[in-house]
Amino acid sequence: MQEDQVPWLKTPFKAPVLDAAGNQIGTTESLLGDEQEDIFHGIVVKLTYSGEHREIPASEITRITGSHVETSTPAGAATTLQPYREQRWFHLGWGGLFRKRPEWKEGE
């Protein structure tokens, strides 16, 4: 049974992030966007194999469900994702970067 999609603001915290082949490449760590304007820029994924934080732009997010995130990132290409640099988002002036959803609690 296929899960229903959810809006980006309902992205589960620490949910599995899958590549285009369905392999888990990491977990969701942060949302990148402007909550007030409902503009989704992407997610920050913590890579499974290295613990590094990488950005996946919204254009590569193919589906978000209540339990996982699907991407168009090719299998084996997680290392080619842009490294996450928080200051870059703040300096763009979008004002919408937030690290956790309000209902996300530390340790979940």
PDB file of N, CA and C in Angstrom:
ATOM      1  N   MET A   1       0.836  -1.187   0.000  1.00  0.00           N
ATOM      2  CA  MET A   1       0.000   0.000   0.000  1.00  0.00           C
ATOM      3  C   MET A   1       0.880   1.251   0.000  1.00  0.00           C
ATOM      4  N   GLN A   2       0.605   2.157  -0.900  1.00  0.00           N
ATOM      5  CA  GLN A   2       1.414   3.365  -1.032  1.00  0.00           C
ATOM      6  C   GLN A   2       0.945   4.431  -0.045  1.00  0.00           C
ATOM      7  N   GLU A   3       1.917   5.077   0.583  1.00  0.00           N
ATOM      8  CA  GLU A   3       1.612   6.150   1.535  1.00  0.00           C
ATOM      9  C   GLU A   3       1.221   7.427   0.817  1.00  0.00           C
ATOM     10  N   ASP A   4       0.368   8.213   1.464  1.00  0.00           N
ATOM     11  CA  ASP A   4      -0.013   9.518   0.931  1.00  0.00           C
ATOM     12  C   ASP A   4       1.117  10.515   1.096  1.00  0.00           C
ATOM     13  N   GLN A   5       1.196  11.447   0.157  1.00  0.00           N
ATOM     14  CA  GLN A   5       2.149  12.543   0.269  1.00  0.00           C
ATOM     15  C   GLN A   5       1.682  13.498   1.349  1.00  0.00           C
ATOM     16  N   VAL A   6       2.657  14.207   1.936  1.00  0.00           N
ATOM     17  CA  VAL A   6       2.350  15.251   2.903  1.00  0.00           C
ATOM     18  C   VAL A   6       3.034  16.534   2.450  1.00  0.00           C
ATOM     19  N   PRO A   7       2.546  17.708   2.887  1.00  0.00           N
ATOM     20  CA  PRO A   7       3.212  18.968   2.539  1.00  0.00           C
ATOM     21  C   PRO A   7       4.610  19.034   3.166  1.00  0.00           C
ATOM     22  N   TRP A   8       5.463  19.841   2.582  1.00  0.00           N
ATOM     23  CA  TRP A   8       6.845  19.931   3.058  1.00  0.00           C
ATOM     24  C   TRP A   8       6.932  20.302   4.524  1.00  0.00           C
ATOM     25  N   LEU A   9       5.992  21.098   5.023  1.00  0.00           N
ATOM     26  CA  LEU A   9       6.016  21.493   6.429  1.00  0.00           C
ATOM     27  C   LEU A   9       5.717  20.323   7.369  1.00  0.00           C
ATOM     28  N   LYS A  10       5.227  19.239   6.825  1.00  0.00           N
ATOM     29  CA  LYS A  10       4.941  18.037   7.625  1.00  0.00           C
ATOM     30  C   LYS A  10       6.034  16.976   7.471  1.00  0.00           C
ATOM     31  N   THR A  11       7.174  17.359   6.900  1.00  0.00           N
ATOM     32  CA  THR A  11       8.286  16.422   6.740  1.00  0.00           C
ATOM     33  C   THR A  11       8.669  15.870   8.106  1.00  0.00           C
ATOM     34  N   PRO A  12       8.698  14.551   8.260  1.00  0.00           N
ATOM     35  CA  PRO A  12       9.066  13.989   9.557  1.00  0.00           C
ATOM     36  C   PRO A  12      10.547  14.209   9.880  1.00  0.00           C
ATOM     37  N   PHE A  13      10.825  14.501  11.142  1.00  0.00           N
ATOM     38  CA  PHE A  13      12.191  14.702  11.631  1.00  0.00           C
ATOM     39  C   PHE A  13      12.896  13.359  11.726  1.00  0.00           C
ATOM     40  N   LYS A  14      14.123  13.321  11.223  1.00  0.00           N
ATOM     41  CA  LYS A  14      14.970  12.128  11.231  1.00  0.00           C
ATOM     42  C   LYS A  14      14.350  10.966  10.445  1.00  0.00           C
ATOM     43  N   ALA A  15      13.551  11.311   9.448  1.00  0.00           N
ATOM     44  CA  ALA A  15      12.956  10.295   8.579  1.00  0.00           C
ATOM     45  C   ALA A  15      13.983   9.815   7.563  1.00  0.00           C
ATOM     46  N   PRO A  16      13.872   8.578   7.107  1.00  0.00           N
ATOM     47  CA  PRO A  16      14.781   8.091   6.067  1.00  0.00           C
ATOM     48  C   PRO A  16      14.650   8.919   4.785  1.00  0.00           C
ATOM     49  N   VAL A  17      15.795   9.225   4.180  1.00  0.00           N
ATOM     50  CA  VAL A  17      15.848   9.911   2.888  1.00  0.00           C
ATOM     51  C   VAL A  17      16.365   8.883   1.891  1.00  0.00           C
ATOM     52  N   LEU A  18      15.601   8.694   0.807  1.00  0.00           N
ATOM     53  CA  LEU A  18      15.926   7.664  -0.172  1.00  0.00           C
ATOM     54  C   LEU A  18      16.445   8.260  -1.470  1.00  0.00           C
ATOM     55  N   ASP A  19      17.382   7.568  -2.108  1.00  0.00           N
ATOM     56  CA  ASP A  19      17.846   7.994  -3.432  1.00  0.00           C
ATOM     57  C   ASP A  19      16.859   7.499  -4.483  1.00  0.00           C
ATOM     58  N   ALA A  20      17.152   7.744  -5.740  1.00  0.00           N
ATOM     59  CA  ALA A  20      16.239   7.387  -6.833  1.00  0.00           C
ATOM     60  C   ALA A  20      16.000   5.882  -6.939  1.00  0.00           C
ATOM     61  N   ALA A  21      16.928   5.075  -6.434  1.00  0.00           N
ATOM     62  CA  ALA A  21      16.789   3.618  -6.482  1.00  0.00           C
ATOM     63  C   ALA A  21      16.087   3.064  -5.243  1.00  0.00           C
ATOM     64  N   GLY A  22      15.742   3.948  -4.303  1.00  0.00           N
ATOM     65  CA  GLY A  22      15.062   3.505  -3.092  1.00  0.00           C
ATOM     66  C   GLY A  22      15.985   3.130  -1.953  1.00  0.00           C
ATOM     67  N   ASN A  23      17.280   3.401  -2.093  1.00  0.00           N
ATOM     68  CA  ASN A  23      18.251   3.128  -1.035  1.00  0.00           C
ATOM     69  C   ASN A  23      18.266   4.282  -0.040  1.00  0.00           C
ATOM     70  N   GLN A  24      18.356   3.966   1.240  1.00  0.00           N
ATOM     71  CA  GLN A  24      18.440   5.042   2.231  1.00  0.00           C
ATOM     72  C   GLN A  24      19.830   5.654   2.201  1.00  0.00           C
ATOM     73  N   ILE A  25      19.856   6.989   2.037  1.00  0.00           N
ATOM     74  CA  ILE A  25      21.142   7.690   2.020  1.00  0.00           C
ATOM     75  C   ILE A  25      21.375   8.467   3.305  1.00  0.00           C
ATOM     76  N   GLY A  26      20.320   8.646   4.096  1.00  0.00           N
ATOM     77  CA  GLY A  26      20.463   9.379   5.343  1.00  0.00           C
ATOM     78  C   GLY A  26      19.120   9.663   5.969  1.00  0.00           C
ATOM     79  N   THR A  27      19.119  10.683   6.849  1.00  0.00           N
ATOM     80  CA  THR A  27      17.894  11.082   7.541  1.00  0.00           C
ATOM     81  C   THR A  27      17.702  12.589   7.447  1.00  0.00           C
ATOM     82  N   THR A  28      16.448  13.018   7.534  1.00  0.00           N
ATOM     83  CA  THR A  28      16.152  14.449   7.496  1.00  0.00           C
ATOM     84  C   THR A  28      16.635  15.098   8.785  1.00  0.00           C
ATOM     85  N   GLU A  29      17.338  16.205   8.650  1.00  0.00           N
ATOM     86  CA  GLU A  29      17.860  16.921   9.814  1.00  0.00           C
ATOM     87  C   GLU A  29      17.317  18.339   9.909  1.00  0.00           C
ATOM     88  N   SER A  30      17.061  18.973   8.783  1.00  0.00           N
ATOM     89  CA  SER A  30      16.560  20.342   8.764  1.00  0.00           C
ATOM     90  C   SER A  30      15.750  20.565   7.503  1.00  0.00           C
ATOM     91  N   LEU A  31      14.836  21.511   7.594  1.00  0.00           N
ATOM     92  CA  LEU A  31      14.094  21.968   6.427  1.00  0.00           C
ATOM     93  C   LEU A  31      14.670  23.307   6.010  1.00  0.00           C
ATOM     94  N   LEU A  32      14.744  23.530   4.713  1.00  0.00           N
ATOM     95  CA  LEU A  32      15.235  24.795   4.178  1.00  0.00           C
ATOM     96  C   LEU A  32      14.075  25.454   3.444  1.00  0.00           C
ATOM     97  N   GLY A  33      13.621  26.572   3.967  1.00  0.00           N
ATOM     98  CA  GLY A  33      12.500  27.237   3.328  1.00  0.00           C
ATOM     99  C   GLY A  33      11.998  28.402   4.135  1.00  0.00           C
ATOM    100  N   ASP A  34      10.969  29.010   3.633  1.00  0.00           N
ATOM    101  CA  ASP A  34      10.331  30.143   4.282  1.00  0.00           C
ATOM    102  C   ASP A  34       8.928  29.709   4.692  1.00  0.00           C
ATOM    103  N   GLU A  35       8.765  29.425   5.958  1.00  0.00           N
ATOM    104  CA  GLU A  35       7.497  28.924   6.473  1.00  0.00           C
ATOM    105  C   GLU A  35       6.368  29.937   6.278  1.00  0.00           C
ATOM    106  N   GLN A  36       6.654  31.209   6.479  1.00  0.00           N
ATOM    107  CA  GLN A  36       5.638  32.258   6.350  1.00  0.00           C
ATOM    108  C   GLN A  36       5.117  32.363   4.916  1.00  0.00           C
ATOM    109  N   GLU A  37       6.005  32.252   3.946  1.00  0.00           N
ATOM    110  CA  GLU A  37       5.644  32.390   2.536  1.00  0.00           C
ATOM    111  C   GLU A  37       5.350  31.048   1.867  1.00  0.00           C
ATOM    112  N   ASP A  38       5.517  29.948   2.619  1.00  0.00           N
ATOM    113  CA  ASP A  38       5.323  28.591   2.112  1.00  0.00           C
ATOM    114  C   ASP A  38       6.190  28.337   0.870  1.00  0.00           C
ATOM    115  N   ILE A  39       7.470  28.686   1.011  1.00  0.00           N
ATOM    116  CA  ILE A  39       8.435  28.459  -0.063  1.00  0.00           C
ATOM    117  C   ILE A  39       9.426  27.405   0.419  1.00  0.00           C
ATOM    118  N   PHE A  40       9.469  26.293  -0.288  1.00  0.00           N
ATOM    119  CA  PHE A  40      10.322  25.161   0.065  1.00  0.00           C
ATOM    120  C   PHE A  40      11.588  25.201  -0.771  1.00  0.00           C
ATOM    121  N   HIS A  41      12.739  25.249  -0.101  1.00  0.00           N
ATOM    122  CA  HIS A  41      14.025  25.278  -0.797  1.00  0.00           C
ATOM    123  C   HIS A  41      14.693  23.908  -0.822  1.00  0.00           C
ATOM    124  N   GLY A  42      14.379  23.052   0.154  1.00  0.00           N
ATOM    125  CA  GLY A  42      14.985  21.730   0.199  1.00  0.00           C
ATOM    126  C   GLY A  42      15.117  21.221   1.617  1.00  0.00           C
ATOM    127  N   ILE A  43      15.966  20.209   1.773  1.00  0.00           N
ATOM    128  CA  ILE A  43      16.207  19.639   3.094  1.00  0.00           C
ATOM    129  C   ILE A  43      17.699  19.491   3.339  1.00  0.00           C
ATOM    130  N   VAL A  44      18.041  19.344   4.591  1.00  0.00           N
ATOM    131  CA  VAL A  44      19.390  18.947   4.968  1.00  0.00           C
ATOM    132  C   VAL A  44      19.297  17.491   5.378  1.00  0.00           C
ATOM    133  N   VAL A  45      20.136  16.668   4.786  1.00  0.00           N
ATOM    134  CA  VAL A  45      20.167  15.234   5.082  1.00  0.00           C
ATOM    135  C   VAL A  45      21.475  14.918   5.803  1.00  0.00           C
ATOM    136  N   LYS A  46      21.376  14.111   6.846  1.00  0.00           N
ATOM    137  CA  LYS A  46      22.570  13.598   7.521  1.00  0.00           C
ATOM    138  C   LYS A  46      22.865  12.253   6.876  1.00  0.00           C
ATOM    139  N   LEU A  47      23.988  12.181   6.166  1.00  0.00           N
ATOM    140  CA  LEU A  47      24.324  10.966   5.418  1.00  0.00           C
ATOM    141  C   LEU A  47      24.603   9.789   6.356  1.00  0.00           C
ATOM    142  N   THR A  48      24.072   8.646   6.000  1.00  0.00           N
ATOM    143  CA  THR A  48      24.191   7.440   6.819  1.00  0.00           C
ATOM    144  C   THR A  48      25.639   7.002   6.986  1.00  0.00           C
ATOM    145  N   TYR A  49      26.377   6.973   5.889  1.00  0.00           N
ATOM    146  CA  TYR A  49      27.718   6.388   5.923  1.00  0.00           C
ATOM    147  C   TYR A  49      28.776   7.292   6.549  1.00  0.00           C
ATOM    148  N   SER A  50      28.556   8.622   6.539  1.00  0.00           N
ATOM    149  CA  SER A  50      29.607   9.517   7.023  1.00  0.00           C
ATOM    150  C   SER A  50      29.161  10.474   8.122  1.00  0.00           C
ATOM    151  N   GLY A  51      27.864  10.660   8.275  1.00  0.00           N
ATOM    152  CA  GLY A  51      27.372  11.619   9.258  1.00  0.00           C
ATOM    153  C   GLY A  51      27.442  13.057   8.780  1.00  0.00           C
ATOM    154  N   GLU A  52      27.917  13.273   7.552  1.00  0.00           N
ATOM    155  CA  GLU A  52      28.004  14.631   6.997  1.00  0.00           C
ATOM    156  C   GLU A  52      26.598  15.160   6.706  1.00  0.00           C
ATOM    157  N   HIS A  53      26.469  16.478   6.781  1.00  0.00           N
ATOM    158  CA  HIS A  53      25.208  17.130   6.433  1.00  0.00           C
ATOM    159  C   HIS A  53      25.326  17.675   5.014  1.00  0.00           C
ATOM    160  N   ARG A  54      24.370  17.278   4.164  1.00  0.00           N
ATOM    161  CA  ARG A  54      24.341  17.714   2.770  1.00  0.00           C
ATOM    162  C   ARG A  54      22.972  18.289   2.450  1.00  0.00           C
ATOM    163  N   GLU A  55      22.932  19.177   1.469  1.00  0.00           N
ATOM    164  CA  GLU A  55      21.675  19.796   1.041  1.00  0.00           C
ATOM    165  C   GLU A  55      21.097  19.034  -0.145  1.00  0.00           C
ATOM    166  N   ILE A  56      19.789  18.863  -0.102  1.00  0.00           N
ATOM    167  CA  ILE A  56      19.080  18.334  -1.267  1.00  0.00           C
ATOM    168  C   ILE A  56      18.071  19.407  -1.657  1.00  0.00           C
ATOM    169  N   PRO A  57      18.248  20.028  -2.832  1.00  0.00           N
ATOM    170  CA  PRO A  57      17.326  21.095  -3.241  1.00  0.00           C
ATOM    171  C   PRO A  57      15.919  20.550  -3.492  1.00  0.00           C
ATOM    172  N   ALA A  58      14.940  21.420  -3.344  1.00  0.00           N
ATOM    173  CA  ALA A  58      13.539  21.041  -3.545  1.00  0.00           C
ATOM    174  C   ALA A  58      13.323  20.397  -4.909  1.00  0.00           C
ATOM    175  N   SER A  59      14.064  20.829  -5.911  1.00  0.00           N
ATOM    176  CA  SER A  59      13.897  20.272  -7.258  1.00  0.00           C
ATOM    177  C   SER A  59      14.242  18.780  -7.329  1.00  0.00           C
ATOM    178  N   GLU A  60      14.986  18.270  -6.339  1.00  0.00           N
ATOM    179  CA  GLU A  60      15.349  16.853  -6.306  1.00  0.00           C
ATOM    180  C   GLU A  60      14.502  16.048  -5.325  1.00  0.00           C
ATOM    181  N   ILE A  61      13.580  16.701  -4.633  1.00  0.00           N
ATOM    182  CA  ILE A  61      12.668  15.992  -3.726  1.00  0.00           C
ATOM    183  C   ILE A  61      11.460  15.580  -4.559  1.00  0.00           C
ATOM    184  N   THR A  62      11.270  14.282  -4.728  1.00  0.00           N
ATOM    185  CA  THR A  62      10.181  13.812  -5.581  1.00  0.00           C
ATOM    186  C   THR A  62       8.910  13.494  -4.793  1.00  0.00           C
ATOM    187  N   ARG A  63       9.066  13.161  -3.512  1.00  0.00           N
ATOM    188  CA  ARG A  63       7.890  12.809  -2.715  1.00  0.00           C
ATOM    189  C   ARG A  63       8.233  12.847  -1.239  1.00  0.00           C
ATOM    190  N   ILE A  64       7.329  13.402  -0.437  1.00  0.00           N
ATOM    191  CA  ILE A  64       7.457  13.399   1.018  1.00  0.00           C
ATOM    192  C   ILE A  64       6.222  12.695   1.570  1.00  0.00           C
ATOM    193  N   THR A  65       6.440  11.703   2.432  1.00  0.00           N
ATOM    194  CA  THR A  65       5.327  11.015   3.076  1.00  0.00           C
ATOM    195  C   THR A  65       5.463  11.195   4.593  1.00  0.00           C
ATOM    196  N   GLY A  66       4.562  10.621   5.321  1.00  0.00           N
ATOM    197  CA  GLY A  66       4.623  10.699   6.775  1.00  0.00           C
ATOM    198  C   GLY A  66       5.739   9.882   7.396  1.00  0.00           C
ATOM    199  N   SER A  67       6.436   9.084   6.564  1.00  0.00           N
ATOM    200  CA  SER A  67       7.504   8.248   7.127  1.00  0.00           C
ATOM    201  C   SER A  67       8.853   8.371   6.430  1.00  0.00           C
ATOM    202  N   HIS A  68       8.915   8.950   5.221  1.00  0.00           N
ATOM    203  CA  HIS A  68      10.192   9.045   4.511  1.00  0.00           C
ATOM    204  C   HIS A  68      10.143  10.133   3.433  1.00  0.00           C
ATOM    205  N   VAL A  69      11.326  10.412   2.869  1.00  0.00           N
ATOM    206  CA  VAL A  69      11.472  11.389   1.783  1.00  0.00           C
ATOM    207  C   VAL A  69      12.129  10.687   0.602  1.00  0.00           C
ATOM    208  N   GLU A  70      11.532  10.826  -0.578  1.00  0.00           N
ATOM    209  CA  GLU A  70      12.083  10.250  -1.797  1.00  0.00           C
ATOM    210  C   GLU A  70      12.726  11.361  -2.618  1.00  0.00           C
ATOM    211  N   THR A  71      13.865  11.041  -3.232  1.00  0.00           N
ATOM    212  CA  THR A  71      14.582  12.031  -4.032  1.00  0.00           C
ATOM    213  C   THR A  71      14.925  11.457  -5.404  1.00  0.00           C
ATOM    214  N   SER A  72      15.351  12.336  -6.289  1.00  0.00           N
ATOM    215  CA  SER A  72      15.833  11.907  -7.603  1.00  0.00           C
ATOM    216  C   SER A  72      17.354  11.786  -7.623  1.00  0.00           C
ATOM    217  N   THR A  73      17.980  11.860  -6.453  1.00  0.00           N
ATOM    218  CA  THR A  73      19.433  11.716  -6.358  1.00  0.00           C
ATOM    219  C   THR A  73      19.824  10.318  -6.856  1.00  0.00           C
ATOM    220  N   PRO A  74      20.688  10.241  -7.857  1.00  0.00           N
ATOM    221  CA  PRO A  74      21.069   8.929  -8.381  1.00  0.00           C
ATOM    222  C   PRO A  74      21.727   8.052  -7.309  1.00  0.00           C
ATOM    223  N   ALA A  75      21.530   6.750  -7.434  1.00  0.00           N
ATOM    224  CA  ALA A  75      22.159   5.807  -6.507  1.00  0.00           C
ATOM    225  C   ALA A  75      23.675   6.036  -6.491  1.00  0.00           C
ATOM    226  N   GLY A  76      24.246   6.085  -5.320  1.00  0.00           N
ATOM    227  CA  GLY A  76      25.688   6.273  -5.174  1.00  0.00           C
ATOM    228  C   GLY A  76      26.172   7.701  -5.323  1.00  0.00           C
ATOM    229  N   ALA A  77      25.249   8.653  -5.496  1.00  0.00           N
ATOM    230  CA  ALA A  77      25.662  10.038  -5.749  1.00  0.00           C
ATOM    231  C   ALA A  77      25.492  10.962  -4.545  1.00  0.00           C
ATOM    232  N   ALA A  78      25.237  10.415  -3.377  1.00  0.00           N
ATOM    233  CA  ALA A  78      25.024  11.263  -2.200  1.00  0.00           C
ATOM    234  C   ALA A  78      26.235  12.150  -1.900  1.00  0.00           C
ATOM    235  N   THR A  79      27.424  11.647  -2.204  1.00  0.00           N
ATOM    236  CA  THR A  79      28.633  12.432  -1.934  1.00  0.00           C
ATOM    237  C   THR A  79      28.753  13.641  -2.851  1.00  0.00           C
ATOM    238  N   THR A  80      27.986  13.667  -3.947  1.00  0.00           N
ATOM    239  CA  THR A  80      28.050  14.809  -4.859  1.00  0.00           C
ATOM    240  C   THR A  80      27.089  15.929  -4.452  1.00  0.00           C
ATOM    241  N   LEU A  81      26.259  15.665  -3.438  1.00  0.00           N
ATOM    242  CA  LEU A  81      25.351  16.713  -2.952  1.00  0.00           C
ATOM    243  C   LEU A  81      26.153  17.835  -2.310  1.00  0.00           C
ATOM    244  N   GLN A  82      25.623  19.032  -2.399  1.00  0.00           N
ATOM    245  CA  GLN A  82      26.280  20.212  -1.828  1.00  0.00           C
ATOM    246  C   GLN A  82      26.395  20.080  -0.310  1.00  0.00           C
ATOM    247  N   PRO A  83      27.593  20.305   0.258  1.00  0.00           N
ATOM    248  CA  PRO A  83      27.710  20.303   1.718  1.00  0.00           C
ATOM    249  C   PRO A  83      26.825  21.407   2.312  1.00  0.00           C
ATOM    250  N   TYR A  84      26.228  21.119   3.451  1.00  0.00           N
ATOM    251  CA  TYR A  84      25.361  22.094   4.117  1.00  0.00           C
ATOM    252  C   TYR A  84      26.211  23.118   4.841  1.00  0.00           C
ATOM    253  N   ARG A  85      25.926  24.398   4.567  1.00  0.00           N
ATOM    254  CA  ARG A  85      26.604  25.505   5.240  1.00  0.00           C
ATOM    255  C   ARG A  85      25.530  26.489   5.680  1.00  0.00           C
ATOM    256  N   GLU A  86      25.203  26.460   6.954  1.00  0.00           N
ATOM    257  CA  GLU A  86      24.126  27.278   7.496  1.00  0.00           C
ATOM    258  C   GLU A  86      24.270  28.753   7.173  1.00  0.00           C
ATOM    259  N   GLN A  87      25.452  29.293   7.313  1.00  0.00           N
ATOM    260  CA  GLN A  87      25.644  30.721   7.094  1.00  0.00           C
ATOM    261  C   GLN A  87      25.256  31.152   5.689  1.00  0.00           C
ATOM    262  N   ARG A  88      25.403  30.283   4.715  1.00  0.00           N
ATOM    263  CA  ARG A  88      25.047  30.640   3.346  1.00  0.00           C
ATOM    264  C   ARG A  88      23.553  30.948   3.264  1.00  0.00           C
ATOM    265  N   TRP A  89      22.735  30.188   3.941  1.00  0.00           N
ATOM    266  CA  TRP A  89      21.297  30.413   3.903  1.00  0.00           C
ATOM    267  C   TRP A  89      20.930  31.696   4.629  1.00  0.00           C
ATOM    268  N   PHE A  90      21.560  31.955   5.755  1.00  0.00           N
ATOM    269  CA  PHE A  90      21.276  33.193   6.472  1.00  0.00           C
ATOM    270  C   PHE A  90      21.670  34.415   5.639  1.00  0.00           C
ATOM    271  N   HIS A  91      22.783  34.357   4.949  1.00  0.00           N
ATOM    272  CA  HIS A  91      23.253  35.503   4.184  1.00  0.00           C
ATOM    273  C   HIS A  91      22.429  35.778   2.935  1.00  0.00           C
ATOM    274  N   LEU A  92      21.656  34.796   2.479  1.00  0.00           N
ATOM    275  CA  LEU A  92      20.816  35.031   1.318  1.00  0.00           C
ATOM    276  C   LEU A  92      19.638  35.934   1.641  1.00  0.00           C
ATOM    277  N   GLY A  93      19.360  36.105   2.929  1.00  0.00           N
ATOM    278  CA  GLY A  93      18.299  37.020   3.339  1.00  0.00           C
ATOM    279  C   GLY A  93      16.900  36.469   3.201  1.00  0.00           C
ATOM    280  N   TRP A  94      16.777  35.157   2.991  1.00  0.00           N
ATOM    281  CA  TRP A  94      15.439  34.597   2.881  1.00  0.00           C
ATOM    282  C   TRP A  94      14.718  34.631   4.215  1.00  0.00           C
ATOM    283  N   GLY A  95      15.460  34.561   5.303  1.00  0.00           N
ATOM    284  CA  GLY A  95      14.852  34.629   6.622  1.00  0.00           C
ATOM    285  C   GLY A  95      13.990  33.434   6.947  1.00  0.00           C
ATOM    286  N   GLY A  96      14.034  32.423   6.122  1.00  0.00           N
ATOM    287  CA  GLY A  96      13.123  31.305   6.329  1.00  0.00           C
ATOM    288  C   GLY A  96      13.784  30.020   6.785  1.00  0.00           C
ATOM    289  N   LEU A  97      15.072  30.031   6.985  1.00  0.00           N
ATOM    290  CA  LEU A  97      15.734  28.810   7.415  1.00  0.00           C
ATOM    291  C   LEU A  97      15.310  28.487   8.833  1.00  0.00           C
ATOM    292  N   PHE A  98      14.903  27.265   9.040  1.00  0.00           N
ATOM    293  CA  PHE A  98      14.652  26.837  10.401  1.00  0.00           C
ATOM    294  C   PHE A  98      15.162  25.424  10.539  1.00  0.00           C
ATOM    295  N   ARG A  99      15.745  25.152  11.667  1.00  0.00           N
ATOM    296  CA  ARG A  99      16.429  23.880  11.861  1.00  0.00           C
ATOM    297  C   ARG A  99      15.481  22.771  12.286  1.00  0.00           C
ATOM    298  N   LYS A 100      14.405  23.097  12.979  1.00  0.00           N
ATOM    299  CA  LYS A 100      13.484  22.072  13.421  1.00  0.00           C
ATOM    300  C   LYS A 100      12.074  22.600  13.316  1.00  0.00           C
ATOM    301  N   ARG A 101      11.162  21.743  13.011  1.00  0.00           N
ATOM    302  CA  ARG A 101       9.751  22.112  13.047  1.00  0.00           C
ATOM    303  C   ARG A 101       9.383  22.390  14.497  1.00  0.00           C
ATOM    304  N   PRO A 102       8.449  23.286  14.763  1.00  0.00           N
ATOM    305  CA  PRO A 102       8.079  23.598  16.145  1.00  0.00           C
ATOM    306  C   PRO A 102       7.698  22.375  16.965  1.00  0.00           C
ATOM    307  N   GLU A 103       7.049  21.388  16.339  1.00  0.00           N
ATOM    308  CA  GLU A 103       6.665  20.212  17.114  1.00  0.00           C
ATOM    309  C   GLU A 103       7.781  19.164  17.217  1.00  0.00           C
ATOM    310  N   TRP A 104       8.905  19.388  16.520  1.00  0.00           N
ATOM    311  CA  TRP A 104      10.030  18.472  16.659  1.00  0.00           C
ATOM    312  C   TRP A 104      10.662  18.688  18.008  1.00  0.00           C
ATOM    313  N   LYS A 105      10.941  17.633  18.698  1.00  0.00           N
ATOM    314  CA  LYS A 105      11.576  17.712  19.999  1.00  0.00           C
ATOM    315  C   LYS A 105      12.950  17.073  19.904  1.00  0.00           C
ATOM    316  N   GLU A 106      13.900  17.639  20.634  1.00  0.00           N
ATOM    317  CA  GLU A 106      15.252  17.101  20.635  1.00  0.00           C
ATOM    318  C   GLU A 106      15.218  15.646  21.085  1.00  0.00           C
ATOM    319  N   GLY A 107      15.941  14.811  20.369  1.00  0.00           N
ATOM    320  CA  GLY A 107      16.032  13.409  20.730  1.00  0.00           C
ATOM    321  C   GLY A 107      15.002  12.524  20.040  1.00  0.00           C
ATOM    322  N   GLU A 108      14.109  13.109  19.238  1.00  0.00           N
ATOM    323  CA  GLU A 108      13.127  12.289  18.521  1.00  0.00           C
ATOM    324  C   GLU A 108      13.709  11.789  17.231  1.00  0.00           C
TER     325      GLU A 108
END
